[in-house]
Amino acid sequence: MIEPSVTGDFDPDGNDQPYVLRLFVTGASSNSVRAITNIKSICDTYLPGRYELEIIDVYQQKQITEQEQIIALPLLIKYLPLPRRRLIGDMSDTEHVLKGLGLA
């Protein structure tokens, strides 16, 4: 499996640690649209300029979906910083998302 890549210069002490995220959704369903809007808002607020977010439509990219063994959607996977985490839902519970990202 190929992990998402990160580019740019980041502070090695961890203050500017990049966040590499993938959000798996099902087309333009209401839950998918909510999840996209919510995670973008959270990232822009709490991780400005230090995140990479890739949106994956499971209908269009079945190979990635199979590799990641997706069983529930919407699903956010945090690749970096470690540990890798998975969050399921529309990302509307900001505190839960922040905890999952290691920001709270």
PDB file of N, CA and C in Angstrom:
ATOM      1  N   MET A   1       0.830  -1.180   0.000  1.00  0.00           N
ATOM      2  CA  MET A   1       0.000   0.000   0.000  1.00  0.00           C
ATOM      3  C   MET A   1       0.875   1.243   0.000  1.00  0.00           C
ATOM      4  N   ILE A   2       0.463   2.246  -0.726  1.00  0.00           N
ATOM      5  CA  ILE A   2       1.189   3.502  -0.780  1.00  0.00           C
ATOM      6  C   ILE A   2       0.529   4.467   0.189  1.00  0.00           C
ATOM      7  N   GLU A   3       1.318   4.993   1.113  1.00  0.00           N
ATOM      8  CA  GLU A   3       0.811   5.964   2.077  1.00  0.00           C
ATOM      9  C   GLU A   3       0.767   7.342   1.423  1.00  0.00           C
ATOM     10  N   PRO A   4      -0.154   8.226   1.854  1.00  0.00           N
ATOM     11  CA  PRO A   4      -0.155   9.586   1.343  1.00  0.00           C
ATOM     12  C   PRO A   4       1.181  10.240   1.648  1.00  0.00           C
ATOM     13  N   SER A   5       1.626  11.096   0.769  1.00  0.00           N
ATOM     14  CA  SER A   5       2.919  11.742   0.969  1.00  0.00           C
ATOM     15  C   SER A   5       2.752  13.110   1.596  1.00  0.00           C
ATOM     16  N   VAL A   6       3.823  13.561   2.234  1.00  0.00           N
ATOM     17  CA  VAL A   6       3.850  14.877   2.850  1.00  0.00           C
ATOM     18  C   VAL A   6       5.026  15.620   2.269  1.00  0.00           C
ATOM     19  N   THR A   7       4.802  16.864   1.895  1.00  0.00           N
ATOM     20  CA  THR A   7       5.894  17.673   1.399  1.00  0.00           C
ATOM     21  C   THR A   7       5.980  18.942   2.218  1.00  0.00           C
ATOM     22  N   GLY A   8       7.127  19.589   2.162  1.00  0.00           N
ATOM     23  CA  GLY A   8       7.310  20.841   2.883  1.00  0.00           C
ATOM     24  C   GLY A   8       8.258  20.668   4.040  1.00  0.00           C
ATOM     25  N   ASP A   9       8.661  21.807   4.602  1.00  0.00           N
ATOM     26  CA  ASP A   9       9.574  21.802   5.746  1.00  0.00           C
ATOM     27  C   ASP A   9       8.762  21.924   7.023  1.00  0.00           C
ATOM     28  N   PHE A  10       9.032  21.015   7.957  1.00  0.00           N
ATOM     29  CA  PHE A  10       8.310  21.018   9.218  1.00  0.00           C
ATOM     30  C   PHE A  10       9.293  21.026  10.366  1.00  0.00           C
ATOM     31  N   ASP A  11       8.876  21.585  11.457  1.00  0.00           N
ATOM     32  CA  ASP A  11       9.700  21.701  12.650  1.00  0.00           C
ATOM     33  C   ASP A  11       9.915  20.325  13.266  1.00  0.00           C
ATOM     34  N   PRO A  12      11.176  19.872  13.426  1.00  0.00           N
ATOM     35  CA  PRO A  12      11.427  18.530  13.952  1.00  0.00           C
ATOM     36  C   PRO A  12      11.028  18.342  15.406  1.00  0.00           C
ATOM     37  N   ASP A  13      10.799  19.426  16.158  1.00  0.00           N
ATOM     38  CA  ASP A  13      10.402  19.251  17.556  1.00  0.00           C
ATOM     39  C   ASP A  13       8.930  18.904  17.712  1.00  0.00           C
ATOM     40  N   GLY A  14       8.205  18.857  16.586  1.00  0.00           N
ATOM     41  CA  GLY A  14       6.815  18.401  16.628  1.00  0.00           C
ATOM     42  C   GLY A  14       5.786  19.499  16.661  1.00  0.00           C
ATOM     43  N   ASN A  15       6.202  20.759  16.850  1.00  0.00           N
ATOM     44  CA  ASN A  15       5.229  21.846  16.898  1.00  0.00           C
ATOM     45  C   ASN A  15       4.510  22.035  15.578  1.00  0.00           C
ATOM     46  N   ASP A  16       5.177  21.733  14.489  1.00  0.00           N
ATOM     47  CA  ASP A  16       4.566  21.861  13.173  1.00  0.00           C
ATOM     48  C   ASP A  16       4.425  20.504  12.504  1.00  0.00           C
ATOM     49  N   GLN A  17       4.223  19.475  13.304  1.00  0.00           N
ATOM     50  CA  GLN A  17       4.082  18.118  12.770  1.00  0.00           C
ATOM     51  C   GLN A  17       2.949  18.085  11.758  1.00  0.00           C
ATOM     52  N   PRO A  18       3.205  17.569  10.555  1.00  0.00           N
ATOM     53  CA  PRO A  18       2.147  17.514   9.551  1.00  0.00           C
ATOM     54  C   PRO A  18       1.114  16.441   9.888  1.00  0.00           C
ATOM     55  N   TYR A  19      -0.108  16.713   9.545  1.00  0.00           N
ATOM     56  CA  TYR A  19      -1.180  15.735   9.689  1.00  0.00           C
ATOM     57  C   TYR A  19      -1.553  15.259   8.292  1.00  0.00           C
ATOM     58  N   VAL A  20      -1.508  13.964   8.092  1.00  0.00           N
ATOM     59  CA  VAL A  20      -1.875  13.370   6.814  1.00  0.00           C
ATOM     60  C   VAL A  20      -3.149  12.573   7.049  1.00  0.00           C
ATOM     61  N   LEU A  21      -4.216  12.992   6.366  1.00  0.00           N
ATOM     62  CA  LEU A  21      -5.547  12.444   6.602  1.00  0.00           C
ATOM     63  C   LEU A  21      -6.193  12.007   5.292  1.00  0.00           C
ATOM     64  N   ARG A  22      -6.993  10.962   5.382  1.00  0.00           N
ATOM     65  CA  ARG A  22      -7.841  10.532   4.268  1.00  0.00           C
ATOM     66  C   ARG A  22      -9.258  10.385   4.805  1.00  0.00           C
ATOM     67  N   LEU A  23     -10.199  10.973   4.090  1.00  0.00           N
ATOM     68  CA  LEU A  23     -11.602  10.839   4.437  1.00  0.00           C
ATOM     69  C   LEU A  23     -12.285  10.025   3.354  1.00  0.00           C
ATOM     70  N   PHE A  24     -12.841   8.887   3.745  1.00  0.00           N
ATOM     71  CA  PHE A  24     -13.548   7.999   2.817  1.00  0.00           C
ATOM     72  C   PHE A  24     -15.036   8.299   2.913  1.00  0.00           C
ATOM     73  N   VAL A  25     -15.659   8.561   1.761  1.00  0.00           N
ATOM     74  CA  VAL A  25     -17.073   8.927   1.709  1.00  0.00           C
ATOM     75  C   VAL A  25     -17.776   8.145   0.609  1.00  0.00           C
ATOM     76  N   THR A  26     -19.123   8.233   0.605  1.00  0.00           N
ATOM     77  CA  THR A  26     -19.932   7.579  -0.419  1.00  0.00           C
ATOM     78  C   THR A  26     -20.587   8.641  -1.287  1.00  0.00           C
ATOM     79  N   GLY A  27     -19.902   9.060  -2.318  1.00  0.00           N
ATOM     80  CA  GLY A  27     -20.453  10.038  -3.251  1.00  0.00           C
ATOM     81  C   GLY A  27     -20.846  11.329  -2.569  1.00  0.00           C
ATOM     82  N   ALA A  28     -22.000  11.874  -2.974  1.00  0.00           N
ATOM     83  CA  ALA A  28     -22.459  13.163  -2.454  1.00  0.00           C
ATOM     84  C   ALA A  28     -23.624  12.995  -1.491  1.00  0.00           C
ATOM     85  N   SER A  29     -23.622  11.902  -0.730  1.00  0.00           N
ATOM     86  CA  SER A  29     -24.688  11.690   0.258  1.00  0.00           C
ATOM     87  C   SER A  29     -24.635  12.794   1.311  1.00  0.00           C
ATOM     88  N   SER A  30     -25.726  12.975   2.028  1.00  0.00           N
ATOM     89  CA  SER A  30     -25.767  14.034   3.039  1.00  0.00           C
ATOM     90  C   SER A  30     -24.719  13.804   4.134  1.00  0.00           C
ATOM     91  N   ASN A  31     -24.524  12.557   4.565  1.00  0.00           N
ATOM     92  CA  ASN A  31     -23.492  12.270   5.569  1.00  0.00           C
ATOM     93  C   ASN A  31     -22.100  12.578   5.036  1.00  0.00           C
ATOM     94  N   SER A  32     -21.853  12.269   3.778  1.00  0.00           N
ATOM     95  CA  SER A  32     -20.552  12.532   3.174  1.00  0.00           C
ATOM     96  C   SER A  32     -20.273  14.027   3.097  1.00  0.00           C
ATOM     97  N   VAL A  33     -21.255  14.778   2.630  1.00  0.00           N
ATOM     98  CA  VAL A  33     -21.092  16.233   2.516  1.00  0.00           C
ATOM     99  C   VAL A  33     -20.857  16.850   3.887  1.00  0.00           C
ATOM    100  N   ARG A  34     -21.610  16.395   4.902  1.00  0.00           N
ATOM    101  CA  ARG A  34     -21.423  16.888   6.272  1.00  0.00           C
ATOM    102  C   ARG A  34     -20.028  16.560   6.778  1.00  0.00           C
ATOM    103  N   ALA A  35     -19.573  15.332   6.544  1.00  0.00           N
ATOM    104  CA  ALA A  35     -18.250  14.918   7.013  1.00  0.00           C
ATOM    105  C   ALA A  35     -17.153  15.756   6.364  1.00  0.00           C
ATOM    106  N   ILE A  36     -17.268  15.993   5.067  1.00  0.00           N
ATOM    107  CA  ILE A  36     -16.270  16.801   4.352  1.00  0.00           C
ATOM    108  C   ILE A  36     -16.241  18.219   4.908  1.00  0.00           C
ATOM    109  N   THR A  37     -17.412  18.820   5.042  1.00  0.00           N
ATOM    110  CA  THR A  37     -17.503  20.184   5.566  1.00  0.00           C
ATOM    111  C   THR A  37     -16.943  20.267   6.979  1.00  0.00           C
ATOM    112  N   ASN A  38     -17.332  19.322   7.827  1.00  0.00           N
ATOM    113  CA  ASN A  38     -16.896  19.352   9.225  1.00  0.00           C
ATOM    114  C   ASN A  38     -15.390  19.146   9.368  1.00  0.00           C
ATOM    115  N   ILE A  39     -14.811  18.181   8.668  1.00  0.00           N
ATOM    116  CA  ILE A  39     -13.381  17.918   8.843  1.00  0.00           C
ATOM    117  C   ILE A  39     -12.549  19.058   8.256  1.00  0.00           C
ATOM    118  N   LYS A  40     -13.002  19.644   7.151  1.00  0.00           N
ATOM    119  CA  LYS A  40     -12.286  20.800   6.603  1.00  0.00           C
ATOM    120  C   LYS A  40     -12.304  21.962   7.585  1.00  0.00           C
ATOM    121  N   SER A  41     -13.437  22.198   8.207  1.00  0.00           N
ATOM    122  CA  SER A  41     -13.555  23.275   9.190  1.00  0.00           C
ATOM    123  C   SER A  41     -12.649  23.023  10.396  1.00  0.00           C
ATOM    124  N   ILE A  42     -12.651  21.795  10.897  1.00  0.00           N
ATOM    125  CA  ILE A  42     -11.800  21.443  12.044  1.00  0.00           C
ATOM    126  C   ILE A  42     -10.329  21.614  11.676  1.00  0.00           C
ATOM    127  N   CYS A  43      -9.932  21.116  10.522  1.00  0.00           N
ATOM    128  CA  CYS A  43      -8.528  21.218  10.103  1.00  0.00           C
ATOM    129  C   CYS A  43      -8.113  22.670   9.899  1.00  0.00           C
ATOM    130  N   ASP A  44      -8.979  23.470   9.266  1.00  0.00           N
ATOM    131  CA  ASP A  44      -8.650  24.879   9.048  1.00  0.00           C
ATOM    132  C   ASP A  44      -8.540  25.653  10.353  1.00  0.00           C
ATOM    133  N   THR A  45      -9.315  25.254  11.350  1.00  0.00           N
ATOM    134  CA  THR A  45      -9.299  25.930  12.641  1.00  0.00           C
ATOM    135  C   THR A  45      -8.130  25.486  13.520  1.00  0.00           C
ATOM    136  N   TYR A  46      -7.907  24.176  13.614  1.00  0.00           N
ATOM    137  CA  TYR A  46      -6.941  23.639  14.563  1.00  0.00           C
ATOM    138  C   TYR A  46      -5.598  23.244  13.943  1.00  0.00           C
ATOM    139  N   LEU A  47      -5.535  23.100  12.625  1.00  0.00           N
ATOM    140  CA  LEU A  47      -4.291  22.692  11.956  1.00  0.00           C
ATOM    141  C   LEU A  47      -3.985  23.567  10.739  1.00  0.00           C
ATOM    142  N   PRO A  48      -4.142  24.875  10.852  1.00  0.00           N
ATOM    143  CA  PRO A  48      -3.966  25.714   9.659  1.00  0.00           C
ATOM    144  C   PRO A  48      -2.568  25.565   9.058  1.00  0.00           C
ATOM    145  N   GLY A  49      -2.540  25.241   7.780  1.00  0.00           N
ATOM    146  CA  GLY A  49      -1.272  25.147   7.066  1.00  0.00           C
ATOM    147  C   GLY A  49      -0.426  23.931   7.369  1.00  0.00           C
ATOM    148  N   ARG A  50      -0.935  23.005   8.177  1.00  0.00           N
ATOM    149  CA  ARG A  50      -0.112  21.837   8.494  1.00  0.00           C
ATOM    150  C   ARG A  50      -0.880  20.522   8.408  1.00  0.00           C
ATOM    151  N   TYR A  51      -1.744  20.445   7.406  1.00  0.00           N
ATOM    152  CA  TYR A  51      -2.438  19.183   7.163  1.00  0.00           C
ATOM    153  C   TYR A  51      -2.588  18.947   5.670  1.00  0.00           C
ATOM    154  N   GLU A  52      -2.682  17.667   5.346  1.00  0.00           N
ATOM    155  CA  GLU A  52      -2.993  17.234   3.988  1.00  0.00           C
ATOM    156  C   GLU A  52      -4.214  16.342   4.107  1.00  0.00           C
ATOM    157  N   LEU A  53      -5.288  16.714   3.426  1.00  0.00           N
ATOM    158  CA  LEU A  53      -6.538  15.972   3.480  1.00  0.00           C
ATOM    159  C   LEU A  53      -6.887  15.482   2.088  1.00  0.00           C
ATOM    160  N   GLU A  54      -7.047  14.175   1.960  1.00  0.00           N
ATOM    161  CA  GLU A  54      -7.455  13.580   0.694  1.00  0.00           C
ATOM    162  C   GLU A  54      -8.848  13.005   0.881  1.00  0.00           C
ATOM    163  N   ILE A  55      -9.761  13.367  -0.020  1.00  0.00           N
ATOM    164  CA  ILE A  55     -11.130  12.853   0.016  1.00  0.00           C
ATOM    165  C   ILE A  55     -11.213  11.699  -0.979  1.00  0.00           C
ATOM    166  N   ILE A  56     -11.638  10.532  -0.499  1.00  0.00           N
ATOM    167  CA  ILE A  56     -11.744   9.338  -1.330  1.00  0.00           C
ATOM    168  C   ILE A  56     -13.212   8.942  -1.434  1.00  0.00           C
ATOM    169  N   ASP A  57     -13.744   8.938  -2.659  1.00  0.00           N
ATOM    170  CA  ASP A  57     -15.091   8.435  -2.905  1.00  0.00           C
ATOM    171  C   ASP A  57     -14.955   6.930  -3.138  1.00  0.00           C
ATOM    172  N   VAL A  58     -15.535   6.144  -2.253  1.00  0.00           N
ATOM    173  CA  VAL A  58     -15.358   4.691  -2.328  1.00  0.00           C
ATOM    174  C   VAL A  58     -15.937   4.090  -3.606  1.00  0.00           C
ATOM    175  N   TYR A  59     -16.898   4.761  -4.227  1.00  0.00           N
ATOM    176  CA  TYR A  59     -17.458   4.268  -5.481  1.00  0.00           C
ATOM    177  C   TYR A  59     -16.489   4.465  -6.644  1.00  0.00           C
ATOM    178  N   GLN A  60     -15.654   5.494  -6.563  1.00  0.00           N
ATOM    179  CA  GLN A  60     -14.734   5.809  -7.655  1.00  0.00           C
ATOM    180  C   GLN A  60     -13.350   5.196  -7.475  1.00  0.00           C
ATOM    181  N   GLN A  61     -12.985   4.870  -6.245  1.00  0.00           N
ATOM    182  CA  GLN A  61     -11.640   4.355  -5.977  1.00  0.00           C
ATOM    183  C   GLN A  61     -11.726   3.081  -5.134  1.00  0.00           C
ATOM    184  N   LYS A  62     -12.283   2.053  -5.726  1.00  0.00           N
ATOM    185  CA  LYS A  62     -12.531   0.794  -5.018  1.00  0.00           C
ATOM    186  C   LYS A  62     -11.252   0.112  -4.545  1.00  0.00           C
ATOM    187  N   GLN A  63     -10.167   0.247  -5.290  1.00  0.00           N
ATOM    188  CA  GLN A  63      -8.919  -0.429  -4.908  1.00  0.00           C
ATOM    189  C   GLN A  63      -8.399   0.098  -3.567  1.00  0.00           C
ATOM    190  N   ILE A  64      -8.394   1.410  -3.394  1.00  0.00           N
ATOM    191  CA  ILE A  64      -7.935   1.993  -2.128  1.00  0.00           C
ATOM    192  C   ILE A  64      -8.851   1.558  -0.994  1.00  0.00           C
ATOM    193  N   THR A  65     -10.149   1.539  -1.270  1.00  0.00           N
ATOM    194  CA  THR A  65     -11.125   1.127  -0.265  1.00  0.00           C
ATOM    195  C   THR A  65     -10.873  -0.308   0.191  1.00  0.00           C
ATOM    196  N   GLU A  66     -10.581  -1.192  -0.751  1.00  0.00           N
ATOM    197  CA  GLU A  66     -10.297  -2.587  -0.405  1.00  0.00           C
ATOM    198  C   GLU A  66      -8.992  -2.701   0.377  1.00  0.00           C
ATOM    199  N   GLN A  67      -7.980  -1.947  -0.012  1.00  0.00           N
ATOM    200  CA  GLN A  67      -6.686  -1.996   0.683  1.00  0.00           C
ATOM    201  C   GLN A  67      -6.837  -1.569   2.144  1.00  0.00           C
ATOM    202  N   GLU A  68      -7.662  -0.575   2.373  1.00  0.00           N
ATOM    203  CA  GLU A  68      -7.847  -0.044   3.730  1.00  0.00           C
ATOM    204  C   GLU A  68      -8.880  -0.828   4.535  1.00  0.00           C
ATOM    205  N   GLN A  69      -9.536  -1.784   3.920  1.00  0.00           N
ATOM    206  CA  GLN A  69     -10.550  -2.614   4.575  1.00  0.00           C
ATOM    207  C   GLN A  69     -11.621  -1.754   5.252  1.00  0.00           C
ATOM    208  N   ILE A  70     -12.233  -0.913   4.468  1.00  0.00           N
ATOM    209  CA  ILE A  70     -13.268   0.006   4.941  1.00  0.00           C
ATOM    210  C   ILE A  70     -14.543  -0.783   5.216  1.00  0.00           C
ATOM    211  N   ILE A  71     -15.097  -0.604   6.421  1.00  0.00           N
ATOM    212  CA  ILE A  71     -16.330  -1.311   6.765  1.00  0.00           C
ATOM    213  C   ILE A  71     -17.470  -0.370   7.152  1.00  0.00           C
ATOM    214  N   ALA A  72     -17.160   0.900   7.429  1.00  0.00           N
ATOM    215  CA  ALA A  72     -18.188   1.873   7.784  1.00  0.00           C
ATOM    216  C   ALA A  72     -17.790   3.225   7.206  1.00  0.00           C
ATOM    217  N   LEU A  73     -18.803   4.015   6.827  1.00  0.00           N
ATOM    218  CA  LEU A  73     -18.535   5.308   6.202  1.00  0.00           C
ATOM    219  C   LEU A  73     -19.461   6.366   6.769  1.00  0.00           C
ATOM    220  N   PRO A  74     -19.071   7.626   6.725  1.00  0.00           N
ATOM    221  CA  PRO A  74     -17.764   8.162   6.402  1.00  0.00           C
ATOM    222  C   PRO A  74     -16.713   7.716   7.411  1.00  0.00           C
ATOM    223  N   LEU A  75     -15.472   7.626   6.938  1.00  0.00           N
ATOM    224  CA  LEU A  75     -14.361   7.179   7.766  1.00  0.00           C
ATOM    225  C   LEU A  75     -13.164   8.079   7.526  1.00  0.00           C
ATOM    226  N   LEU A  76     -12.599   8.613   8.606  1.00  0.00           N
ATOM    227  CA  LEU A  76     -11.383   9.420   8.535  1.00  0.00           C
ATOM    228  C   LEU A  76     -10.235   8.578   9.069  1.00  0.00           C
ATOM    229  N   ILE A  77      -9.155   8.489   8.291  1.00  0.00           N
ATOM    230  CA  ILE A  77      -7.949   7.809   8.759  1.00  0.00           C
ATOM    231  C   ILE A  77      -6.848   8.851   8.911  1.00  0.00           C
ATOM    232  N   LYS A  78      -6.267   8.892  10.103  1.00  0.00           N
ATOM    233  CA  LYS A  78      -5.117   9.758  10.365  1.00  0.00           C
ATOM    234  C   LYS A  78      -3.874   8.895  10.208  1.00  0.00           C
ATOM    235  N   TYR A  79      -3.061   9.200   9.206  1.00  0.00           N
ATOM    236  CA  TYR A  79      -1.819   8.455   8.962  1.00  0.00           C
ATOM    237  C   TYR A  79      -0.667   9.022   9.777  1.00  0.00           C
ATOM    238  N   LEU A  80      -0.570  10.330   9.803  1.00  0.00           N
ATOM    239  CA  LEU A  80       0.485  11.016  10.545  1.00  0.00           C
ATOM    240  C   LEU A  80      -0.127  12.161  11.296  1.00  0.00           C
ATOM    241  N   PRO A  81       0.393  12.529  12.446  1.00  0.00           N
ATOM    242  CA  PRO A  81       1.456  11.837  13.165  1.00  0.00           C
ATOM    243  C   PRO A  81       0.940  10.527  13.755  1.00  0.00           C
ATOM    244  N   LEU A  82       1.865   9.631  13.975  1.00  0.00           N
ATOM    245  CA  LEU A  82       1.519   8.344  14.569  1.00  0.00           C
ATOM    246  C   LEU A  82       1.042   8.547  15.994  1.00  0.00           C
ATOM    247  N   PRO A  83       0.202   7.721  16.558  1.00  0.00           N
ATOM    248  CA  PRO A  83      -0.306   6.473  15.994  1.00  0.00           C
ATOM    249  C   PRO A  83      -1.415   6.729  14.979  1.00  0.00           C
ATOM    250  N   ARG A  84      -1.551   5.789  14.073  1.00  0.00           N
ATOM    251  CA  ARG A  84      -2.597   5.836  13.065  1.00  0.00           C
ATOM    252  C   ARG A  84      -3.940   5.626  13.763  1.00  0.00           C
ATOM    253  N   ARG A  85      -4.932   6.429  13.373  1.00  0.00           N
ATOM    254  CA  ARG A  85      -6.261   6.341  13.992  1.00  0.00           C
ATOM    255  C   ARG A  85      -7.352   6.340  12.944  1.00  0.00           C
ATOM    256  N   ARG A  86      -8.499   5.782  13.312  1.00  0.00           N
ATOM    257  CA  ARG A  86      -9.684   5.765  12.447  1.00  0.00           C
ATOM    258  C   ARG A  86     -10.850   6.376  13.217  1.00  0.00           C
ATOM    259  N   LEU A  87     -11.570   7.272  12.556  1.00  0.00           N
ATOM    260  CA  LEU A  87     -12.748   7.899  13.145  1.00  0.00           C
ATOM    261  C   LEU A  87     -13.921   7.708  12.188  1.00  0.00           C
ATOM    262  N   ILE A  88     -15.026   7.207  12.702  1.00  0.00           N
ATOM    263  CA  ILE A  88     -16.211   6.937  11.890  1.00  0.00           C
ATOM    264  C   ILE A  88     -17.291   7.966  12.216  1.00  0.00           C
ATOM    265  N   GLY A  89     -17.989   8.431  11.184  1.00  0.00           N
ATOM    266  CA  GLY A  89     -19.114   9.343  11.387  1.00  0.00           C
ATOM    267  C   GLY A  89     -18.983  10.596  10.555  1.00  0.00           C
ATOM    268  N   ASP A  90     -19.887  11.549  10.808  1.00  0.00           N
ATOM    269  CA  ASP A  90     -19.912  12.764   9.990  1.00  0.00           C
ATOM    270  C   ASP A  90     -19.010  13.876  10.538  1.00  0.00           C
ATOM    271  N   MET A  91     -18.182  13.558  11.517  1.00  0.00           N
ATOM    272  CA  MET A  91     -17.190  14.475  12.094  1.00  0.00           C
ATOM    273  C   MET A  91     -17.829  15.700  12.746  1.00  0.00           C
ATOM    274  N   SER A  92     -19.102  15.583  13.150  1.00  0.00           N
ATOM    275  CA  SER A  92     -19.807  16.712  13.748  1.00  0.00           C
ATOM    276  C   SER A  92     -19.480  16.891  15.233  1.00  0.00           C
ATOM    277  N   ASP A  93     -18.975  15.861  15.892  1.00  0.00           N
ATOM    278  CA  ASP A  93     -18.584  15.967  17.293  1.00  0.00           C
ATOM    279  C   ASP A  93     -17.127  16.432  17.342  1.00  0.00           C
ATOM    280  N   THR A  94     -16.941  17.745  17.371  1.00  0.00           N
ATOM    281  CA  THR A  94     -15.604  18.334  17.280  1.00  0.00           C
ATOM    282  C   THR A  94     -14.675  17.809  18.363  1.00  0.00           C
ATOM    283  N   GLU A  95     -15.151  17.708  19.583  1.00  0.00           N
ATOM    284  CA  GLU A  95     -14.287  17.226  20.677  1.00  0.00           C
ATOM    285  C   GLU A  95     -13.809  15.801  20.416  1.00  0.00           C
ATOM    286  N   HIS A  96     -14.697  14.957  19.932  1.00  0.00           N
ATOM    287  CA  HIS A  96     -14.333  13.574  19.612  1.00  0.00           C
ATOM    288  C   HIS A  96     -13.288  13.537  18.497  1.00  0.00           C
ATOM    289  N   VAL A  97     -13.476  14.344  17.475  1.00  0.00           N
ATOM    290  CA  VAL A  97     -12.528  14.401  16.363  1.00  0.00           C
ATOM    291  C   VAL A  97     -11.176  14.917  16.857  1.00  0.00           C
ATOM    292  N   LEU A  98     -11.185  15.959  17.668  1.00  0.00           N
ATOM    293  CA  LEU A  98      -9.926  16.503  18.200  1.00  0.00           C
ATOM    294  C   LEU A  98      -9.177  15.457  19.034  1.00  0.00           C
ATOM    295  N   LYS A  99      -9.901  14.698  19.839  1.00  0.00           N
ATOM    296  CA  LYS A  99      -9.275  13.619  20.610  1.00  0.00           C
ATOM    297  C   LYS A  99      -8.687  12.570  19.691  1.00  0.00           C
ATOM    298  N   GLY A 100      -9.440  12.200  18.657  1.00  0.00           N
ATOM    299  CA  GLY A 100      -8.963  11.209  17.704  1.00  0.00           C
ATOM    300  C   GLY A 100      -7.727  11.657  16.955  1.00  0.00           C
ATOM    301  N   LEU A 101      -7.625  12.959  16.725  1.00  0.00           N
ATOM    302  CA  LEU A 101      -6.449  13.511  16.046  1.00  0.00           C
ATOM    303  C   LEU A 101      -5.300  13.776  17.012  1.00  0.00           C
ATOM    304  N   GLY A 102      -5.562  13.605  18.309  1.00  0.00           N
ATOM    305  CA  GLY A 102      -4.533  13.862  19.303  1.00  0.00           C
ATOM    306  C   GLY A 102      -4.334  15.330  19.606  1.00  0.00           C
ATOM    307  N   LEU A 103      -5.377  16.130  19.410  1.00  0.00           N
ATOM    308  CA  LEU A 103      -5.288  17.572  19.623  1.00  0.00           C
ATOM    309  C   LEU A 103      -5.984  18.028  20.893  1.00  0.00           C
ATOM    310  N   ALA A 104      -6.646  17.122  21.600  1.00  0.00           N
ATOM    311  CA  ALA A 104      -7.363  17.520  22.823  1.00  0.00           C
ATOM    312  C   ALA A 104      -6.906  16.676  23.996  1.00  0.00           C
TER     313      ALA A 104
END
